[in-house]
């Protein structure tokens, strides 16, 4: 996989942080346990990173092919 440019890298990390913080916050609100919240945030963050990385890499590749 090619490295992402700065535009897509920013999008990737903002999406991962927002989703992980949101899920962690909801878990904290429900169970009031920091470890549960951190684990849920980390777990969903890893999954989101993988899927968004692949998706944005494909989008960047299509954009580069279109501009050639």
PDB file of N, CA and C in Angstrom:
ATOM      1  N   UNK A   1       0.833  -1.164   0.000  1.00  0.00           N
ATOM      2  CA  UNK A   1       0.000   0.000   0.000  1.00  0.00           C
ATOM      3  C   UNK A   1       0.891   1.245   0.000  1.00  0.00           C
ATOM      4  N   UNK A   2       0.554   2.169  -0.858  1.00  0.00           N
ATOM      5  CA  UNK A   2       1.317   3.410  -0.941  1.00  0.00           C
ATOM      6  C   UNK A   2       1.014   4.296   0.269  1.00  0.00           C
ATOM      7  N   UNK A   3       1.989   5.096   0.674  1.00  0.00           N
ATOM      8  CA  UNK A   3       1.724   5.998   1.799  1.00  0.00           C
ATOM      9  C   UNK A   3       0.676   7.047   1.420  1.00  0.00           C
ATOM     10  N   UNK A   4      -0.109   7.449   2.394  1.00  0.00           N
ATOM     11  CA  UNK A   4      -1.135   8.457   2.142  1.00  0.00           C
ATOM     12  C   UNK A   4      -0.513   9.848   2.128  1.00  0.00           C
ATOM     13  N   UNK A   5      -1.079  10.722   1.294  1.00  0.00           N
ATOM     14  CA  UNK A   5      -0.618  12.105   1.322  1.00  0.00           C
ATOM     15  C   UNK A   5      -1.185  12.802   2.555  1.00  0.00           C
ATOM     16  N   UNK A   6      -0.781  14.039   2.769  1.00  0.00           N
ATOM     17  CA  UNK A   6      -1.160  14.731   4.010  1.00  0.00           C
ATOM     18  C   UNK A   6      -2.663  14.951   4.122  1.00  0.00           C
ATOM     19  N   UNK A   7      -3.334  15.171   2.999  1.00  0.00           N
ATOM     20  CA  UNK A   7      -4.790  15.370   3.023  1.00  0.00           C
ATOM     21  C   UNK A   7      -5.489  14.135   3.592  1.00  0.00           C
ATOM     22  N   UNK A   8      -5.163  12.983   3.071  1.00  0.00           N
ATOM     23  CA  UNK A   8      -5.818  11.755   3.504  1.00  0.00           C
ATOM     24  C   UNK A   8      -5.329  11.282   4.872  1.00  0.00           C
ATOM     25  N   UNK A   9      -4.093  11.581   5.221  1.00  0.00           N
ATOM     26  CA  UNK A   9      -3.594  11.231   6.545  1.00  0.00           C
ATOM     27  C   UNK A   9      -4.358  11.993   7.622  1.00  0.00           C
ATOM     28  N   UNK A  10      -4.603  13.270   7.370  1.00  0.00           N
ATOM     29  CA  UNK A  10      -5.382  14.072   8.313  1.00  0.00           C
ATOM     30  C   UNK A  10      -6.794  13.551   8.475  1.00  0.00           C
ATOM     31  N   UNK A  11      -7.437  13.223   7.358  1.00  0.00           N
ATOM     32  CA  UNK A  11      -8.795  12.674   7.394  1.00  0.00           C
ATOM     33  C   UNK A  11      -8.814  11.373   8.189  1.00  0.00           C
ATOM     34  N   UNK A  12      -7.843  10.517   7.947  1.00  0.00           N
ATOM     35  CA  UNK A  12      -7.769   9.224   8.625  1.00  0.00           C
ATOM     36  C   UNK A  12      -7.694   9.396  10.141  1.00  0.00           C
ATOM     37  N   UNK A  13      -6.757  10.214  10.616  1.00  0.00           N
ATOM     38  CA  UNK A  13      -6.558  10.339  12.057  1.00  0.00           C
ATOM     39  C   UNK A  13      -7.706  11.061  12.745  1.00  0.00           C
ATOM     40  N   UNK A  14      -8.297  12.049  12.078  1.00  0.00           N
ATOM     41  CA  UNK A  14      -9.445  12.735  12.687  1.00  0.00           C
ATOM     42  C   UNK A  14     -10.611  11.766  12.841  1.00  0.00           C
ATOM     43  N   UNK A  15     -10.882  10.968  11.812  1.00  0.00           N
ATOM     44  CA  UNK A  15     -11.969   9.990  11.895  1.00  0.00           C
ATOM     45  C   UNK A  15     -11.719   8.965  12.998  1.00  0.00           C
ATOM     46  N   UNK A  16     -10.502   8.470  13.079  1.00  0.00           N
ATOM     47  CA  UNK A  16     -10.172   7.472  14.101  1.00  0.00           C
ATOM     48  C   UNK A  16     -10.333   8.066  15.503  1.00  0.00           C
ATOM     49  N   UNK A  17      -9.824   9.269  15.713  1.00  0.00           N
ATOM     50  CA  UNK A  17      -9.915   9.883  17.040  1.00  0.00           C
ATOM     51  C   UNK A  17     -11.350  10.197  17.439  1.00  0.00           C
ATOM     52  N   UNK A  18     -12.132  10.723  16.508  1.00  0.00           N
ATOM     53  CA  UNK A  18     -13.523  11.052  16.832  1.00  0.00           C
ATOM     54  C   UNK A  18     -14.311   9.793  17.175  1.00  0.00           C
ATOM     55  N   UNK A  19     -14.166   8.756  16.368  1.00  0.00           N
ATOM     56  CA  UNK A  19     -14.915   7.528  16.624  1.00  0.00           C
ATOM     57  C   UNK A  19     -14.464   6.858  17.922  1.00  0.00           C
ATOM     58  N   UNK A  20     -13.152   6.758  18.132  1.00  0.00           N
ATOM     59  CA  UNK A  20     -12.646   6.112  19.347  1.00  0.00           C
ATOM     60  C   UNK A  20     -13.067   6.888  20.596  1.00  0.00           C
ATOM     61  N   UNK A  21     -12.993   8.209  20.537  1.00  0.00           N
ATOM     62  CA  UNK A  21     -13.406   9.016  21.688  1.00  0.00           C
ATOM     63  C   UNK A  21     -14.905   8.889  21.934  1.00  0.00           C
ATOM     64  N   UNK A  22     -15.676   8.849  20.876  1.00  0.00           N
ATOM     65  CA  UNK A  22     -17.127   8.708  21.031  1.00  0.00           C
ATOM     66  C   UNK A  22     -17.515   7.378  21.643  1.00  0.00           C
ATOM     67  N   UNK A  23     -16.927   6.313  21.158  1.00  0.00           N
ATOM     68  CA  UNK A  23     -17.230   4.986  21.700  1.00  0.00           C
ATOM     69  C   UNK A  23     -16.724   4.876  23.138  1.00  0.00           C
ATOM     70  N   UNK A  24     -15.509   5.357  23.377  1.00  0.00           N
ATOM     71  CA  UNK A  24     -14.974   5.338  24.742  1.00  0.00           C
ATOM     72  C   UNK A  24     -15.842   6.140  25.702  1.00  0.00           C
ATOM     73  N   UNK A  25     -16.315   7.282  25.245  1.00  0.00           N
ATOM     74  CA  UNK A  25     -17.200   8.105  26.074  1.00  0.00           C
ATOM     75  C   UNK A  25     -18.519   7.425  26.375  1.00  0.00           C
ATOM     76  N   UNK A  26     -19.090   6.766  25.379  1.00  0.00           N
ATOM     77  CA  UNK A  26     -20.353   6.056  25.607  1.00  0.00           C
ATOM     78  C   UNK A  26     -20.172   4.898  26.583  1.00  0.00           C
ATOM     79  N   UNK A  27     -19.059   4.176  26.450  1.00  0.00           N
ATOM     80  CA  UNK A  27     -18.790   3.070  27.377  1.00  0.00           C
ATOM     81  C   UNK A  27     -18.566   3.621  28.785  1.00  0.00           C
ATOM     82  N   UNK A  28     -17.824   4.710  28.901  1.00  0.00           N
ATOM     83  CA  UNK A  28     -17.604   5.328  30.214  1.00  0.00           C
ATOM     84  C   UNK A  28     -18.931   5.754  30.830  1.00  0.00           C
ATOM     85  N   UNK A  29     -19.788   6.377  30.028  1.00  0.00           N
ATOM     86  CA  UNK A  29     -21.079   6.846  30.524  1.00  0.00           C
ATOM     87  C   UNK A  29     -21.937   5.681  31.007  1.00  0.00           C
ATOM     88  N   UNK A  30     -21.857   4.557  30.301  1.00  0.00           N
ATOM     89  CA  UNK A  30     -22.691   3.397  30.640  1.00  0.00           C
ATOM     90  C   UNK A  30     -22.178   2.658  31.881  1.00  0.00           C
ATOM     91  N   UNK A  31     -20.860   2.343  31.920  1.00  0.00           N
ATOM     92  CA  UNK A  31     -20.331   1.490  32.987  1.00  0.00           C
ATOM     93  C   UNK A  31     -19.404   2.192  33.976  1.00  0.00           C
ATOM     94  N   UNK A  32     -18.985   3.416  33.719  1.00  0.00           N
ATOM     95  CA  UNK A  32     -18.092   4.170  34.607  1.00  0.00           C
ATOM     96  C   UNK A  32     -16.829   3.384  34.953  1.00  0.00           C
ATOM     97  N   UNK A  33     -16.237   2.777  33.934  1.00  0.00           N
ATOM     98  CA  UNK A  33     -15.014   2.007  34.117  1.00  0.00           C
ATOM     99  C   UNK A  33     -14.002   2.469  33.072  1.00  0.00           C
ATOM    100  N   UNK A  34     -12.884   3.016  33.527  1.00  0.00           N
ATOM    101  CA  UNK A  34     -11.881   3.573  32.624  1.00  0.00           C
ATOM    102  C   UNK A  34     -11.280   2.490  31.733  1.00  0.00           C
ATOM    103  N   UNK A  35     -11.048   1.324  32.268  1.00  0.00           N
ATOM    104  CA  UNK A  35     -10.433   0.258  31.473  1.00  0.00           C
ATOM    105  C   UNK A  35     -11.367  -0.218  30.368  1.00  0.00           C
ATOM    106  N   UNK A  36     -12.645  -0.339  30.662  1.00  0.00           N
ATOM    107  CA  UNK A  36     -13.610  -0.710  29.624  1.00  0.00           C
ATOM    108  C   UNK A  36     -13.634   0.346  28.528  1.00  0.00           C
ATOM    109  N   UNK A  37     -13.663   1.606  28.941  1.00  0.00           N
ATOM    110  CA  UNK A  37     -13.724   2.703  27.974  1.00  0.00           C
ATOM    111  C   UNK A  37     -12.465   2.750  27.113  1.00  0.00           C
ATOM    112  N   UNK A  38     -11.304   2.597  27.744  1.00  0.00           N
ATOM    113  CA  UNK A  38     -10.046   2.616  26.994  1.00  0.00           C
ATOM    114  C   UNK A  38      -9.957   1.425  26.045  1.00  0.00           C
ATOM    115  N   UNK A  39     -10.363   0.265  26.505  1.00  0.00           N
ATOM    116  CA  UNK A  39     -10.344  -0.923  25.651  1.00  0.00           C
ATOM    117  C   UNK A  39     -11.286  -0.803  24.475  1.00  0.00           C
ATOM    118  N   UNK A  40     -12.477  -0.282  24.726  1.00  0.00           N
ATOM    119  CA  UNK A  40     -13.441  -0.106  23.638  1.00  0.00           C
ATOM    120  C   UNK A  40     -12.939   0.930  22.644  1.00  0.00           C
ATOM    121  N   UNK A  41     -12.385   2.030  23.152  1.00  0.00           N
ATOM    122  CA  UNK A  41     -11.844   3.062  22.268  1.00  0.00           C
ATOM    123  C   UNK A  41     -10.683   2.549  21.444  1.00  0.00           C
ATOM    124  N   UNK A  42      -9.802   1.800  22.078  1.00  0.00           N
ATOM    125  CA  UNK A  42      -8.660   1.238  21.358  1.00  0.00           C
ATOM    126  C   UNK A  42      -9.112   0.217  20.323  1.00  0.00           C
ATOM    127  N   UNK A  43     -10.017  -0.652  20.714  1.00  0.00           N
ATOM    128  CA  UNK A  43     -10.498  -1.680  19.788  1.00  0.00           C
ATOM    129  C   UNK A  43     -11.164  -1.093  18.560  1.00  0.00           C
ATOM    130  N   UNK A  44     -12.080  -0.160  18.762  1.00  0.00           N
ATOM    131  CA  UNK A  44     -12.769   0.432  17.621  1.00  0.00           C
ATOM    132  C   UNK A  44     -11.819   1.319  16.822  1.00  0.00           C
ATOM    133  N   UNK A  45     -10.846   1.935  17.503  1.00  0.00           N
ATOM    134  CA  UNK A  45      -9.866   2.756  16.802  1.00  0.00           C
ATOM    135  C   UNK A  45      -9.011   1.944  15.844  1.00  0.00           C
ATOM    136  N   UNK A  46      -8.598   0.769  16.270  1.00  0.00           N
ATOM    137  CA  UNK A  46      -7.787  -0.103  15.407  1.00  0.00           C
ATOM    138  C   UNK A  46      -8.591  -0.563  14.198  1.00  0.00           C
ATOM    139  N   UNK A  47      -9.820  -0.975  14.438  1.00  0.00           N
ATOM    140  CA  UNK A  47     -10.675  -1.432  13.332  1.00  0.00           C
ATOM    141  C   UNK A  47     -10.937  -0.285  12.362  1.00  0.00           C
ATOM    142  N   UNK A  48     -11.265   0.885  12.891  1.00  0.00           N
ATOM    143  CA  UNK A  48     -11.526   2.058  12.051  1.00  0.00           C
ATOM    144  C   UNK A  48     -10.282   2.435  11.254  1.00  0.00           C
ATOM    145  N   UNK A  49      -9.108   2.389  11.889  1.00  0.00           N
ATOM    146  CA  UNK A  49      -7.869   2.720  11.195  1.00  0.00           C
ATOM    147  C   UNK A  49      -7.648   1.791  10.005  1.00  0.00           C
ATOM    148  N   UNK A  50      -7.831   0.500  10.212  1.00  0.00           N
ATOM    149  CA  UNK A  50      -7.593  -0.468   9.136  1.00  0.00           C
ATOM    150  C   UNK A  50      -8.540  -0.221   7.969  1.00  0.00           C
ATOM    151  N   UNK A  51      -9.835  -0.115   8.256  1.00  0.00           N
ATOM    152  CA  UNK A  51     -10.801   0.065   7.173  1.00  0.00           C
ATOM    153  C   UNK A  51     -10.643   1.411   6.475  1.00  0.00           C
ATOM    154  N   UNK A  52     -10.438   2.475   7.241  1.00  0.00           N
ATOM    155  CA  UNK A  52     -10.284   3.796   6.626  1.00  0.00           C
ATOM    156  C   UNK A  52      -8.977   3.889   5.849  1.00  0.00           C
ATOM    157  N   UNK A  53      -7.923   3.236   6.330  1.00  0.00           N
ATOM    158  CA  UNK A  53      -6.632   3.265   5.631  1.00  0.00           C
ATOM    159  C   UNK A  53      -6.766   2.635   4.258  1.00  0.00           C
ATOM    160  N   UNK A  54      -7.430   1.492   4.199  1.00  0.00           N
ATOM    161  CA  UNK A  54      -7.632   0.815   2.916  1.00  0.00           C
ATOM    162  C   UNK A  54      -8.518   1.660   2.010  1.00  0.00           C
ATOM    163  N   UNK A  55      -9.599   2.179   2.555  1.00  0.00           N
ATOM    164  CA  UNK A  55     -10.540   2.979   1.777  1.00  0.00           C
ATOM    165  C   UNK A  55      -9.881   4.243   1.225  1.00  0.00           C
ATOM    166  N   UNK A  56      -9.165   4.965   2.072  1.00  0.00           N
ATOM    167  CA  UNK A  56      -8.530   6.200   1.621  1.00  0.00           C
ATOM    168  C   UNK A  56      -7.378   5.927   0.665  1.00  0.00           C
ATOM    169  N   UNK A  57      -6.696   4.808   0.838  1.00  0.00           N
ATOM    170  CA  UNK A  57      -5.634   4.443  -0.095  1.00  0.00           C
ATOM    171  C   UNK A  57      -6.204   4.197  -1.486  1.00  0.00           C
ATOM    172  N   UNK A  58      -7.333   3.505  -1.550  1.00  0.00           N
ATOM    173  CA  UNK A  58      -7.988   3.283  -2.840  1.00  0.00           C
ATOM    174  C   UNK A  58      -8.456   4.593  -3.456  1.00  0.00           C
ATOM    175  N   UNK A  59      -9.032   5.450  -2.631  1.00  0.00           N
ATOM    176  CA  UNK A  59      -9.518   6.739  -3.125  1.00  0.00           C
ATOM    177  C   UNK A  59      -8.361   7.580  -3.654  1.00  0.00           C
ATOM    178  N   UNK A  60      -7.252   7.599  -2.939  1.00  0.00           N
ATOM    179  CA  UNK A  60      -6.079   8.348  -3.382  1.00  0.00           C
ATOM    180  C   UNK A  60      -5.541   7.778  -4.685  1.00  0.00           C
ATOM    181  N   UNK A  61      -5.511   6.460  -4.804  1.00  0.00           N
ATOM    182  CA  UNK A  61      -5.019   5.829  -6.027  1.00  0.00           C
ATOM    183  C   UNK A  61      -5.903   6.190  -7.214  1.00  0.00           C
ATOM    184  N   UNK A  62      -7.225   6.164  -7.032  1.00  0.00           N
ATOM    185  CA  UNK A  62      -8.140   6.550  -8.105  1.00  0.00           C
ATOM    186  C   UNK A  62      -7.939   8.003  -8.499  1.00  0.00           C
ATOM    187  N   UNK A  63      -7.728   8.853  -7.507  1.00  0.00           N
ATOM    188  CA  UNK A  63      -7.501  10.271  -7.777  1.00  0.00           C
ATOM    189  C   UNK A  63      -6.213  10.473  -8.564  1.00  0.00           C
ATOM    190  N   UNK A  64      -5.160   9.745  -8.213  1.00  0.00           N
ATOM    191  CA  UNK A  64      -3.891   9.852  -8.929  1.00  0.00           C
ATOM    192  C   UNK A  64      -4.018   9.315 -10.349  1.00  0.00           C
ATOM    193  N   UNK A  65      -4.743   8.213 -10.524  1.00  0.00           N
ATOM    194  CA  UNK A  65      -4.939   7.662 -11.863  1.00  0.00           C
ATOM    195  C   UNK A  65      -5.751   8.606 -12.737  1.00  0.00           C
ATOM    196  N   UNK A  66      -6.719   9.279 -12.136  1.00  0.00           N
ATOM    197  CA  UNK A  66      -7.565  10.224 -12.866  1.00  0.00           C
ATOM    198  C   UNK A  66      -6.755  11.432 -13.338  1.00  0.00           C
ATOM    199  N   UNK A  67      -5.785  11.864 -12.529  1.00  0.00           N
ATOM    200  CA  UNK A  67      -4.986  13.043 -12.853  1.00  0.00           C
ATOM    201  C   UNK A  67      -3.854  12.755 -13.826  1.00  0.00           C
ATOM    202  N   UNK A  68      -3.612  11.502 -14.138  1.00  0.00           N
ATOM    203  CA  UNK A  68      -2.518  11.168 -15.070  1.00  0.00           C
ATOM    204  C   UNK A  68      -2.934  11.371 -16.488  1.00  0.00           C
TER     205      UNK A  68
END
